[in-house]
C-alpha atoms as a PDB file:
ATOM      1  CA  MET A   1      18.822  -0.344  39.786  1.00  0.00           C
ATOM      2  CA  SER A   2      18.225  -1.973  36.387  1.00  0.00           C
ATOM      3  CA  LEU A   3      15.013  -1.382  34.546  1.00  0.00           C
ATOM      4  CA  THR A   4      13.172  -4.358  33.061  1.00  0.00           C
ATOM      5  CA  ARG A   5      11.626  -3.762  29.664  1.00  0.00           C
ATOM      6  CA  LYS A   6       7.924  -4.467  29.525  1.00  0.00           C
ATOM      7  CA  PRO A   7       7.294  -7.641  27.485  1.00  0.00           C
ATOM      8  CA  ARG A   8       5.904  -7.082  24.015  1.00  0.00           C
ATOM      9  CA  ALA A   9       2.208  -7.897  23.643  1.00  0.00           C
ATOM     10  CA  LEU A  10       0.466 -10.089  21.069  1.00  0.00           C
ATOM     11  CA  VAL A  11      -1.428  -7.396  19.182  1.00  0.00           C
ATOM     12  CA  ASP A  12      -3.587  -8.298  16.158  1.00  0.00           C
ATOM     13  CA  GLY A  13      -5.110  -5.728  13.822  1.00  0.00           C
ATOM     14  CA  VAL A  14      -4.539  -3.042  11.226  1.00  0.00           C
ATOM     15  CA  LEU A  15      -3.611   0.558  11.882  1.00  0.00           C
ATOM     16  CA  LEU A  16      -4.558   3.003   9.120  1.00  0.00           C
ATOM     17  CA  LEU A  17      -1.778   5.488   9.712  1.00  0.00           C
ATOM     18  CA  ASP A  18      -1.712   8.960   8.195  1.00  0.00           C
ATOM     19  CA  LYS A  19       2.060   9.179   7.795  1.00  0.00           C
ATOM     20  CA  PRO A  20       3.589  12.625   8.301  1.00  0.00           C
ATOM     21  CA  GLU A  21       6.105  14.274   6.006  1.00  0.00           C
ATOM     22  CA  GLY A  22       9.777  13.742   6.811  1.00  0.00           C
ATOM     23  CA  LEU A  23       9.427  10.272   8.309  1.00  0.00           C
ATOM     24  CA  SER A  24      10.346   7.034   6.564  1.00  0.00           C
ATOM     25  CA  SER A  25       7.785   4.240   6.477  1.00  0.00           C
ATOM     26  CA  ASN A  26      10.018   2.062   8.631  1.00  0.00           C
ATOM     27  CA  ASP A  27      10.492   4.796  11.239  1.00  0.00           C
ATOM     28  CA  ALA A  28       6.714   5.319  11.334  1.00  0.00           C
ATOM     29  CA  LEU A  29       6.260   1.578  11.873  1.00  0.00           C
ATOM     30  CA  ILE A  30       8.806   1.527  14.689  1.00  0.00           C
ATOM     31  CA  GLN A  31       7.083   4.399  16.474  1.00  0.00           C
ATOM     32  CA  ALA A  32       3.618   2.839  16.160  1.00  0.00           C
ATOM     33  CA  LYS A  33       4.938  -0.549  17.272  1.00  0.00           C
ATOM     34  CA  ARG A  34       6.498   1.068  20.342  1.00  0.00           C
ATOM     35  CA  ILE A  35       3.305   2.955  21.253  1.00  0.00           C
ATOM     36  CA  LEU A  36       1.229  -0.243  20.980  1.00  0.00           C
ATOM     37  CA  ASN A  37       3.970  -2.351  22.610  1.00  0.00           C
ATOM     38  CA  ALA A  38       3.379  -4.865  19.829  1.00  0.00           C
ATOM     39  CA  LYS A  39       5.478  -7.968  19.352  1.00  0.00           C
ATOM     40  CA  LYS A  40       5.098  -8.342  15.590  1.00  0.00           C
ATOM     41  CA  ALA A  41       4.401  -5.701  12.947  1.00  0.00           C
ATOM     42  CA  GLY A  42       4.995  -4.802   9.320  1.00  0.00           C
ATOM     43  CA  HIS A  43       3.959  -2.202   6.757  1.00  0.00           C
ATOM     44  CA  THR A  44       2.358  -2.724   3.378  1.00  0.00           C
ATOM     45  CA  GLY A  45       4.575  -0.857   0.950  1.00  0.00           C
ATOM     46  CA  THR A  46       6.726   2.178   1.541  1.00  0.00           C
ATOM     47  CA  LEU A  47       6.007   5.863   1.184  1.00  0.00           C
ATOM     48  CA  ASP A  48       8.921   8.204   0.488  1.00  0.00           C
ATOM     49  CA  PRO A  49       9.867  10.347   3.500  1.00  0.00           C
ATOM     50  CA  PHE A  50       8.622  13.524   1.770  1.00  0.00           C
ATOM     51  CA  ALA A  51       5.240  11.871   1.046  1.00  0.00           C
ATOM     52  CA  THR A  52       2.286  11.803   3.425  1.00  0.00           C
ATOM     53  CA  GLY A  53      -0.910   9.817   3.695  1.00  0.00           C
ATOM     54  CA  LEU A  54      -2.206   6.295   4.035  1.00  0.00           C
ATOM     55  CA  LEU A  55       0.280   3.745   5.353  1.00  0.00           C
ATOM     56  CA  PRO A  56      -1.544   0.608   6.553  1.00  0.00           C
ATOM     57  CA  LEU A  57       0.431  -1.065   9.349  1.00  0.00           C
ATOM     58  CA  CYS A  58      -0.230  -4.718  10.143  1.00  0.00           C
ATOM     59  CA  PHE A  59       0.158  -6.214  13.593  1.00  0.00           C
ATOM     60  CA  GLY A  60       0.307  -9.848  14.648  1.00  0.00           C
ATOM     61  CA  GLU A  61      -1.971 -12.089  12.594  1.00  0.00           C
ATOM     62  CA  ALA A  62      -2.657  -9.273  10.120  1.00  0.00           C
ATOM     63  CA  THR A  63       0.929  -9.553   8.819  1.00  0.00           C
ATOM     64  CA  LYS A  64      -0.082 -12.837   7.145  1.00  0.00           C
ATOM     65  CA  PHE A  65      -2.306 -10.894   4.771  1.00  0.00           C
ATOM     66  CA  SER A  66      -0.125  -7.835   4.119  1.00  0.00           C
ATOM     67  CA  GLN A  67       1.028  -9.186   0.744  1.00  0.00           C
ATOM     68  CA  ASP A  68      -2.447  -8.499  -0.639  1.00  0.00           C
ATOM     69  CA  LEU A  69      -1.958  -4.768  -0.056  1.00  0.00           C
ATOM     70  CA  LEU A  70       1.516  -4.854  -1.603  1.00  0.00           C
ATOM     71  CA  GLU A  71      -0.170  -6.117  -4.768  1.00  0.00           C
ATOM     72  CA  ALA A  72      -3.108  -3.689  -4.573  1.00  0.00           C
ATOM     73  CA  ASP A  73      -3.730  -0.573  -6.650  1.00  0.00           C
ATOM     74  CA  LYS A  74      -2.841   2.747  -4.993  1.00  0.00           C
ATOM     75  CA  THR A  75      -4.394   6.227  -5.239  1.00  0.00           C
ATOM     76  CA  TYR A  76      -2.420   9.450  -4.800  1.00  0.00           C
ATOM     77  CA  GLU A  77      -2.903  13.189  -4.969  1.00  0.00           C
ATOM     78  CA  THR A  78       0.154  15.088  -6.060  1.00  0.00           C
ATOM     79  CA  THR A  79       1.314  18.593  -6.936  1.00  0.00           C
ATOM     80  CA  VAL A  80       3.697  18.659  -9.884  1.00  0.00           C
ATOM     81  CA  HIS A  81       5.986  21.678 -10.133  1.00  0.00           C
ATOM     82  CA  LEU A  82       6.468  22.313 -13.849  1.00  0.00           C
ATOM     83  CA  GLY A  83       9.604  23.960 -15.197  1.00  0.00           C
ATOM     84  CA  VAL A  84      12.077  22.617 -12.621  1.00  0.00           C
ATOM     85  CA  THR A  85      13.797  19.214 -12.583  1.00  0.00           C
ATOM     86  CA  THR A  86      15.673  17.779  -9.610  1.00  0.00           C
ATOM     87  CA  THR A  87      18.083  14.900  -9.045  1.00  0.00           C
ATOM     88  CA  THR A  88      15.475  12.862  -7.181  1.00  0.00           C
ATOM     89  CA  GLY A  89      12.302  13.891  -9.014  1.00  0.00           C
ATOM     90  CA  ASP A  90      10.953  15.531  -5.854  1.00  0.00           C
ATOM     91  CA  THR A  91      11.715  18.331  -3.405  1.00  0.00           C
ATOM     92  CA  GLU A  92      14.442  16.351  -1.627  1.00  0.00           C
ATOM     93  CA  GLY A  93      16.832  16.578  -4.578  1.00  0.00           C
ATOM     94  CA  GLU A  94      19.021  19.346  -5.945  1.00  0.00           C
ATOM     95  CA  ARG A  95      17.824  21.439  -8.852  1.00  0.00           C
ATOM     96  CA  VAL A  96      19.176  20.243 -12.169  1.00  0.00           C
ATOM     97  CA  ALA A  97      17.526  22.511 -14.751  1.00  0.00           C
ATOM     98  CA  GLU A  98      14.857  25.173 -15.151  1.00  0.00           C
ATOM     99  CA  ALA A  99      12.720  26.031 -18.169  1.00  0.00           C
ATOM    100  CA  PRO A 100       9.890  28.470 -18.891  1.00  0.00           C
ATOM    101  CA  VAL A 101       6.368  27.101 -18.427  1.00  0.00           C
ATOM    102  CA  GLN A 102       4.194  28.062 -21.372  1.00  0.00           C
ATOM    103  CA  VAL A 103       1.430  25.457 -21.414  1.00  0.00           C
ATOM    104  CA  ASP A 104      -2.315  25.711 -21.068  1.00  0.00           C
ATOM    105  CA  GLU A 105      -4.951  23.269 -19.804  1.00  0.00           C
ATOM    106  CA  ALA A 106      -5.715  22.010 -23.321  1.00  0.00           C
ATOM    107  CA  GLN A 107      -2.077  20.992 -23.784  1.00  0.00           C
ATOM    108  CA  ILE A 108      -2.049  19.408 -20.348  1.00  0.00           C
ATOM    109  CA  ALA A 109      -5.210  17.421 -21.089  1.00  0.00           C
ATOM    110  CA  ALA A 110      -3.697  16.128 -24.332  1.00  0.00           C
ATOM    111  CA  VAL A 111      -0.510  15.020 -22.557  1.00  0.00           C
ATOM    112  CA  LEU A 112      -2.333  13.377 -19.650  1.00  0.00           C
ATOM    113  CA  ALA A 113      -4.318  11.268 -22.105  1.00  0.00           C
ATOM    114  CA  ARG A 114      -1.043   9.713 -23.258  1.00  0.00           C
ATOM    115  CA  PHE A 115      -0.285   8.415 -19.774  1.00  0.00           C
ATOM    116  CA  ARG A 116      -3.578   6.655 -19.066  1.00  0.00           C
ATOM    117  CA  GLY A 117      -3.701   2.885 -19.346  1.00  0.00           C
ATOM    118  CA  PRO A 118      -0.703   0.554 -19.703  1.00  0.00           C
ATOM    119  CA  ILE A 119       2.596   2.436 -19.954  1.00  0.00           C
ATOM    120  CA  LEU A 120       6.308   1.717 -19.578  1.00  0.00           C
ATOM    121  CA  GLN A 121       8.269   3.368 -16.776  1.00  0.00           C
ATOM    122  CA  VAL A 122      12.008   3.475 -16.168  1.00  0.00           C
ATOM    123  CA  PRO A 123      12.594   3.122 -12.399  1.00  0.00           C
ATOM    124  CA  PRO A 124      14.407   6.103 -10.868  1.00  0.00           C
ATOM    125  CA  MET A 125      17.981   5.880  -9.658  1.00  0.00           C
ATOM    126  CA  TYR A 126      16.805   7.163  -6.294  1.00  0.00           C
ATOM    127  CA  SER A 127      14.869   4.007  -5.451  1.00  0.00           C
ATOM    128  CA  ALA A 128      15.308   0.936  -3.273  1.00  0.00           C
ATOM    129  CA  LEU A 129      15.525  -1.450  -6.231  1.00  0.00           C
ATOM    130  CA  LYS A 130      18.594  -3.658  -5.960  1.00  0.00           C
ATOM    131  CA  ARG A 131      21.460  -4.135  -8.412  1.00  0.00           C
ATOM    132  CA  ASP A 132      24.199  -6.575  -7.423  1.00  0.00           C
ATOM    133  CA  GLY A 133      22.988  -6.470  -3.848  1.00  0.00           C
ATOM    134  CA  LYS A 134      23.029  -2.680  -3.550  1.00  0.00           C
ATOM    135  CA  ALA A 135      20.060  -0.313  -3.682  1.00  0.00           C
ATOM    136  CA  LEU A 136      20.009   1.986  -6.693  1.00  0.00           C
ATOM    137  CA  TYR A 137      19.993   5.042  -4.433  1.00  0.00           C
ATOM    138  CA  GLU A 138      23.426   3.979  -3.107  1.00  0.00           C
ATOM    139  CA  TYR A 139      24.834   4.188  -6.631  1.00  0.00           C
ATOM    140  CA  ALA A 140      23.033   7.501  -7.207  1.00  0.00           C
ATOM    141  CA  ARG A 141      24.509   9.036  -4.060  1.00  0.00           C
ATOM    142  CA  ALA A 142      27.949   7.996  -5.317  1.00  0.00           C
ATOM    143  CA  GLY A 143      27.292   9.817  -8.601  1.00  0.00           C
ATOM    144  CA  ILE A 144      26.813   6.609 -10.603  1.00  0.00           C
ATOM    145  CA  THR A 145      23.947   6.211 -13.054  1.00  0.00           C
ATOM    146  CA  LEU A 146      23.080   2.698 -14.204  1.00  0.00           C
ATOM    147  CA  GLU A 147      20.997   1.549 -17.134  1.00  0.00           C
ATOM    148  CA  ARG A 148      17.505   0.508 -16.020  1.00  0.00           C
ATOM    149  CA  GLU A 149      15.020  -1.511 -18.007  1.00  0.00           C
ATOM    150  CA  ALA A 150      11.571   0.004 -18.485  1.00  0.00           C
ATOM    151  CA  ARG A 151       8.809  -1.807 -16.619  1.00  0.00           C
ATOM    152  CA  PRO A 152       5.110  -2.118 -17.487  1.00  0.00           C
ATOM    153  CA  VAL A 153       2.678  -0.393 -15.099  1.00  0.00           C
ATOM    154  CA  THR A 154      -0.930   0.705 -15.484  1.00  0.00           C
ATOM    155  CA  ILE A 155      -2.401   4.143 -14.805  1.00  0.00           C
ATOM    156  CA  HIS A 156      -6.048   3.318 -14.158  1.00  0.00           C
ATOM    157  CA  ALA A 157      -7.097   6.957 -13.674  1.00  0.00           C
ATOM    158  CA  LEU A 158      -5.301  10.278 -14.095  1.00  0.00           C
ATOM    159  CA  THR A 159      -7.401  13.317 -13.217  1.00  0.00           C
ATOM    160  CA  LEU A 160      -6.515  16.996 -13.427  1.00  0.00           C
ATOM    161  CA  LEU A 161      -7.537  18.587 -10.126  1.00  0.00           C
ATOM    162  CA  GLY A 162      -6.263  22.069 -10.896  1.00  0.00           C
ATOM    163  CA  TYR A 163      -3.637  24.105 -12.714  1.00  0.00           C
ATOM    164  CA  ASP A 164      -2.135  27.353 -11.502  1.00  0.00           C
ATOM    165  CA  ALA A 165       1.149  27.672 -13.382  1.00  0.00           C
ATOM    166  CA  PRO A 166       3.640  26.328 -12.622  1.00  0.00           C
ATOM    167  CA  LEU A 167       1.759  24.003 -10.246  1.00  0.00           C
ATOM    168  CA  LEU A 168      -0.238  21.097 -11.611  1.00  0.00           C
ATOM    169  CA  ARG A 169      -2.468  19.110  -9.219  1.00  0.00           C
ATOM    170  CA  LEU A 170      -3.314  15.539 -10.151  1.00  0.00           C
ATOM    171  CA  ARG A 171      -5.081  12.482  -8.761  1.00  0.00           C
ATOM    172  CA  VAL A 172      -3.597   9.149  -9.830  1.00  0.00           C
ATOM    173  CA  THR A 173      -4.850   5.599  -9.382  1.00  0.00           C
ATOM    174  CA  CYS A 174      -2.219   3.118 -10.489  1.00  0.00           C
ATOM    175  CA  SER A 175      -0.976  -0.441 -10.310  1.00  0.00           C
ATOM    176  CA  LYS A 176       1.700  -1.650  -7.930  1.00  0.00           C
ATOM    177  CA  GLY A 177       5.241  -0.652  -8.808  1.00  0.00           C
ATOM    178  CA  THR A 178       4.284   2.740 -10.250  1.00  0.00           C
ATOM    179  CA  TYR A 179       6.595   5.625  -9.356  1.00  0.00           C
ATOM    180  CA  ILE A 180       4.605   8.843  -9.129  1.00  0.00           C
ATOM    181  CA  ARG A 181       7.881  10.803  -9.159  1.00  0.00           C
ATOM    182  CA  VAL A 182       8.693   9.303 -12.552  1.00  0.00           C
ATOM    183  CA  LEU A 183       5.158   9.956 -13.794  1.00  0.00           C
ATOM    184  CA  GLY A 184       5.517  13.635 -12.825  1.00  0.00           C
ATOM    185  CA  GLU A 185       8.902  13.868 -14.543  1.00  0.00           C
ATOM    186  CA  ASP A 186       7.597  12.172 -17.689  1.00  0.00           C
ATOM    187  CA  ILE A 187       4.576  14.490 -17.850  1.00  0.00           C
ATOM    188  CA  GLY A 188       6.897  17.489 -17.501  1.00  0.00           C
ATOM    189  CA  ALA A 189       9.135  16.147 -20.252  1.00  0.00           C
ATOM    190  CA  ALA A 190       6.137  15.592 -22.544  1.00  0.00           C
ATOM    191  CA  LEU A 191       5.082  19.212 -21.918  1.00  0.00           C
ATOM    192  CA  GLY A 192       8.562  20.352 -22.877  1.00  0.00           C
ATOM    193  CA  CYS A 193       9.430  22.069 -19.592  1.00  0.00           C
ATOM    194  CA  GLY A 194      10.434  19.332 -17.158  1.00  0.00           C
ATOM    195  CA  ALA A 195       8.954  18.842 -13.683  1.00  0.00           C
ATOM    196  CA  HIS A 196       9.365  17.429 -10.207  1.00  0.00           C
ATOM    197  CA  LEU A 197       6.912  16.549  -7.426  1.00  0.00           C
ATOM    198  CA  GLN A 198       6.284  19.302  -4.907  1.00  0.00           C
ATOM    199  CA  SER A 199       4.011  17.134  -2.765  1.00  0.00           C
ATOM    200  CA  LEU A 200       2.632  13.610  -2.710  1.00  0.00           C
ATOM    201  CA  ARG A 201      -0.185  12.209  -0.577  1.00  0.00           C
ATOM    202  CA  ARG A 202      -1.466   8.645  -0.723  1.00  0.00           C
ATOM    203  CA  THR A 203      -5.221   8.503  -0.234  1.00  0.00           C
ATOM    204  CA  GLY A 204      -6.014   4.868  -1.000  1.00  0.00           C
ATOM    205  CA  VAL A 205      -4.514   1.364  -0.901  1.00  0.00           C
ATOM    206  CA  GLY A 206      -6.822  -1.209  -2.440  1.00  0.00           C
ATOM    207  CA  ALA A 207     -10.196  -0.781  -0.713  1.00  0.00           C
ATOM    208  CA  LEU A 208      -8.657   1.123   2.224  1.00  0.00           C
ATOM    209  CA  THR A 209      -8.841   4.936   2.351  1.00  0.00           C
ATOM    210  CA  LEU A 210      -7.869   7.765   4.682  1.00  0.00           C
ATOM    211  CA  ASP A 211     -11.329   7.601   6.263  1.00  0.00           C
ATOM    212  CA  GLY A 212     -10.647   6.641   9.856  1.00  0.00           C
ATOM    213  CA  ALA A 213      -6.881   7.007   9.518  1.00  0.00           C
ATOM    214  CA  VAL A 214      -5.018   8.297  12.575  1.00  0.00           C
ATOM    215  CA  THR A 215      -1.797  10.222  13.071  1.00  0.00           C
ATOM    216  CA  LEU A 216       1.067   9.144  15.288  1.00  0.00           C
ATOM    217  CA  GLU A 217       0.212  12.075  17.559  1.00  0.00           C
ATOM    218  CA  ALA A 218      -3.368  10.839  17.978  1.00  0.00           C
ATOM    219  CA  LEU A 219      -2.144   7.297  18.604  1.00  0.00           C
ATOM    220  CA  ARG A 220       0.323   8.515  21.207  1.00  0.00           C
ATOM    221  CA  ALA A 221      -2.274  10.714  22.927  1.00  0.00           C
ATOM    222  CA  SER A 222      -4.981   8.036  23.062  1.00  0.00           C
ATOM    223  CA  ALA A 223      -5.799   6.515  26.435  1.00  0.00           C
ATOM    224  CA  ALA A 224      -6.679   3.287  24.594  1.00  0.00           C
ATOM    225  CA  PRO A 225      -4.481   3.160  21.458  1.00  0.00           C
ATOM    226  CA  HIS A 226      -5.383  -0.472  20.724  1.00  0.00           C
ATOM    227  CA  SER A 227      -8.982   0.642  20.179  1.00  0.00           C
ATOM    228  CA  LEU A 228      -7.799   2.557  17.108  1.00  0.00           C
ATOM    229  CA  LEU A 229      -6.884  -0.674  15.329  1.00  0.00           C
ATOM    230  CA  ALA A 230      -9.156  -2.089  12.652  1.00  0.00           C
ATOM    231  CA  PRO A 231      -9.723  -5.874  12.777  1.00  0.00           C
ATOM    232  CA  VAL A 232      -7.520  -8.219  10.781  1.00  0.00           C
ATOM    233  CA  ASP A 233     -10.223  -8.806   8.172  1.00  0.00           C
ATOM    234  CA  ALA A 234     -10.144  -5.112   7.215  1.00  0.00           C
ATOM    235  CA  LEU A 235      -7.457  -6.256   4.774  1.00  0.00           C
ATOM    236  CA  LEU A 236      -9.796  -8.810   3.202  1.00  0.00           C
ATOM    237  CA  SER A 237     -12.972  -6.806   2.633  1.00  0.00           C
ATOM    238  CA  THR A 238     -12.913  -7.324  -1.142  1.00  0.00           C
ATOM    239  CA  PHE A 239     -13.071 -11.130  -0.804  1.00  0.00           C
ATOM    240  CA  PRO A 240     -16.433 -12.916  -0.474  1.00  0.00           C
ATOM    241  CA  ALA A 241     -17.173 -14.222   3.024  1.00  0.00           C
ATOM    242  CA  LEU A 242     -17.771 -17.909   3.653  1.00  0.00           C
ATOM    243  CA  GLN A 243     -19.249 -19.217   6.920  1.00  0.00           C
ATOM    244  CA  LEU A 244     -18.334 -22.725   8.091  1.00  0.00           C
ATOM    245  CA  ASP A 245     -20.114 -24.877  10.636  1.00  0.00           C
ATOM    246  CA  ASP A 246     -18.336 -26.395  13.631  1.00  0.00           C
ATOM    247  CA  GLU A 247     -17.082 -29.543  11.924  1.00  0.00           C
ATOM    248  CA  HIS A 248     -15.849 -27.856   8.748  1.00  0.00           C
ATOM    249  CA  ALA A 249     -14.228 -25.024  10.710  1.00  0.00           C
ATOM    250  CA  ARG A 250     -12.259 -27.550  12.767  1.00  0.00           C
ATOM    251  CA  ARG A 251     -11.080 -29.379   9.655  1.00  0.00           C
ATOM    252  CA  PHE A 252     -10.251 -26.111   7.868  1.00  0.00           C
ATOM    253  CA  LEU A 253      -7.961 -25.058  10.753  1.00  0.00           C
ATOM    254  CA  HIS A 254      -6.192 -28.411  10.439  1.00  0.00           C
ATOM    255  CA  GLY A 255      -5.371 -27.544   6.829  1.00  0.00           C
ATOM    256  CA  GLN A 256      -7.774 -30.008   5.253  1.00  0.00           C
ATOM    257  CA  ARG A 257      -9.387 -29.482   1.851  1.00  0.00           C
ATOM    258  CA  LEU A 258     -13.163 -29.389   2.176  1.00  0.00           C
ATOM    259  CA  ALA A 259     -15.748 -30.678  -0.301  1.00  0.00           C
ATOM    260  CA  LEU A 260     -18.427 -28.090   0.440  1.00  0.00           C
ATOM    261  CA  GLY A 261     -20.705 -29.294  -2.331  1.00  0.00           C
ATOM    262  CA  LYS A 262     -21.624 -32.088   0.060  1.00  0.00           C
ATOM    263  CA  ALA A 263     -22.559 -29.566   2.767  1.00  0.00           C
ATOM    264  CA  PRO A 264     -25.815 -28.000   1.512  1.00  0.00           C
ATOM    265  CA  ALA A 265     -26.269 -26.033   4.748  1.00  0.00           C
ATOM    266  CA  ILE A 266     -23.191 -23.916   3.886  1.00  0.00           C
ATOM    267  CA  ALA A 267     -23.978 -20.959   1.616  1.00  0.00           C
ATOM    268  CA  LEU A 268     -21.329 -20.681  -1.084  1.00  0.00           C
ATOM    269  CA  PRO A 269     -20.288 -17.469  -2.891  1.00  0.00           C
ATOM    270  CA  ALA A 270     -21.489 -17.094  -6.446  1.00  0.00           C
ATOM    271  CA  THR A 271     -17.966 -17.167  -7.899  1.00  0.00           C
ATOM    272  CA  GLN A 272     -14.795 -19.184  -7.409  1.00  0.00           C
ATOM    273  CA  GLY A 273     -11.541 -17.718  -6.119  1.00  0.00           C
ATOM    274  CA  ARG A 274     -10.208 -16.385  -2.840  1.00  0.00           C
ATOM    275  CA  VAL A 275     -12.585 -16.162   0.099  1.00  0.00           C
ATOM    276  CA  ARG A 276     -12.345 -15.051   3.729  1.00  0.00           C
ATOM    277  CA  VAL A 277     -13.466 -17.867   5.965  1.00  0.00           C
ATOM    278  CA  TYR A 278     -15.336 -17.485   9.271  1.00  0.00           C
ATOM    279  CA  HIS A 279     -16.768 -19.503  12.089  1.00  0.00           C
ATOM    280  CA  GLY A 280     -19.370 -17.190  13.524  1.00  0.00           C
ATOM    281  CA  ALA A 281     -17.677 -13.826  14.039  1.00  0.00           C
ATOM    282  CA  GLN A 282     -14.205 -15.394  14.181  1.00  0.00           C
ATOM    283  CA  LEU A 283     -11.976 -15.064  11.115  1.00  0.00           C
ATOM    284  CA  LEU A 284     -10.274 -18.392  10.421  1.00  0.00           C
ATOM    285  CA  GLY A 285      -8.183 -17.267   7.468  1.00  0.00           C
ATOM    286  CA  THR A 286      -8.390 -17.267   3.692  1.00  0.00           C
ATOM    287  CA  GLY A 287      -9.015 -20.093   1.284  1.00  0.00           C
ATOM    288  CA  LEU A 288      -9.315 -20.851  -2.414  1.00  0.00           C
ATOM    289  CA  LEU A 289     -12.753 -21.994  -3.535  1.00  0.00           C
ATOM    290  CA  GLY A 290     -12.336 -24.032  -6.692  1.00  0.00           C
ATOM    291  CA  GLU A 291     -14.145 -26.432  -8.959  1.00  0.00           C
ATOM    292  CA  TYR A 292     -16.693 -28.807  -7.462  1.00  0.00           C
ATOM    293  CA  SER A 293     -16.950 -26.435  -4.451  1.00  0.00           C
ATOM    294  CA  ILE A 294     -13.610 -27.604  -3.055  1.00  0.00           C
ATOM    295  CA  LEU A 295     -12.227 -25.192  -0.437  1.00  0.00           C
ATOM    296  CA  ALA A 296      -8.440 -25.289   0.003  1.00  0.00           C
ATOM    297  CA  PRO A 297      -6.999 -23.507   3.077  1.00  0.00           C
ATOM    298  CA  GLU A 298      -4.544 -20.741   2.169  1.00  0.00           C
ATOM    299  CA  ARG A 299      -3.490 -18.605   5.159  1.00  0.00           C
ATOM    300  CA  LEU A 300      -4.772 -19.561   8.577  1.00  0.00           C
ATOM    301  CA  ILE A 301      -5.153 -17.585  11.770  1.00  0.00           C
ATOM    302  CA  ALA A 302      -2.990 -19.079  14.544  1.00  0.00           C
ATOM    303  CA  ARG A 303      -5.403 -20.015  17.313  1.00  0.00           C
ATOM    304  CA  PRO A 304      -6.478 -23.117  19.265  1.00  0.00           C
ATOM    305  CA  PRO A 305      -7.370 -25.951  16.848  1.00  0.00           C
ATOM    306  CA  ASP A 306     -10.908 -26.311  18.185  1.00  0.00           C
ATOM    307  CA  PRO A 307     -12.963 -23.295  16.986  1.00  0.00           C
ATOM    308  CA  VAL A 308     -16.034 -24.110  19.075  1.00  0.00           C
END
């Protein structure tokens, strides 16, 4: 007797997943998607398999807004093992060199100051960046090292959480594209002893934090796993909210630009820029509020054209 697979469901929302160590971001997504029986899903930037922490997963309509988290600042807590370098910059690689660790907190503070603000970083060979259609880690595994151009990133905050030689604990808030493995290696090099990451945990992505995050085990054990999803607009909490009346909501969902200056009953945000647009409690999508109070639809929620 053949078994018929249960049809995938239309699931909309955001899962704040606390990713475990040893699992790739894509594997974590596949497991969560299977548990929720969701038709469409995506993640918002990868975490290395050895890393743990916040991995926001988007389902259904939320995938339309996942790019905002890819662009968002990230916050991490990491333990840097001074005195030992590895091929990958973390615990997954082979040891390359060892050196004595003879630094104190004053030296560490002086070095950390050099890495705050805009800096240049050379991407690691063990990364998913592409060269001629192949990921850099494919070249690295074949023993090939390629020249990489340094890229600008910004370290918004770099805080010393503790130092018990040879272990250095740091909290980092950084721009997109920052490699914490490279930051750890560069700090070790500046201290004259080398380093690699012993652990890495992501605690924040944009305005999202680990507060309310769930593990795959908790998701699997829940009698109502869909109740653990945050609403789609959890991704948009930093944007001002704009409420539309029936007529303007209908036109907005048809992709029309709206002259809201002629609608005095609609309360406009104090500043121009991106807004999250609602009709009552229903999110309609995002828009760009420009000069002369013109609202241009940006990304719309797929739903019946009549919002009332």
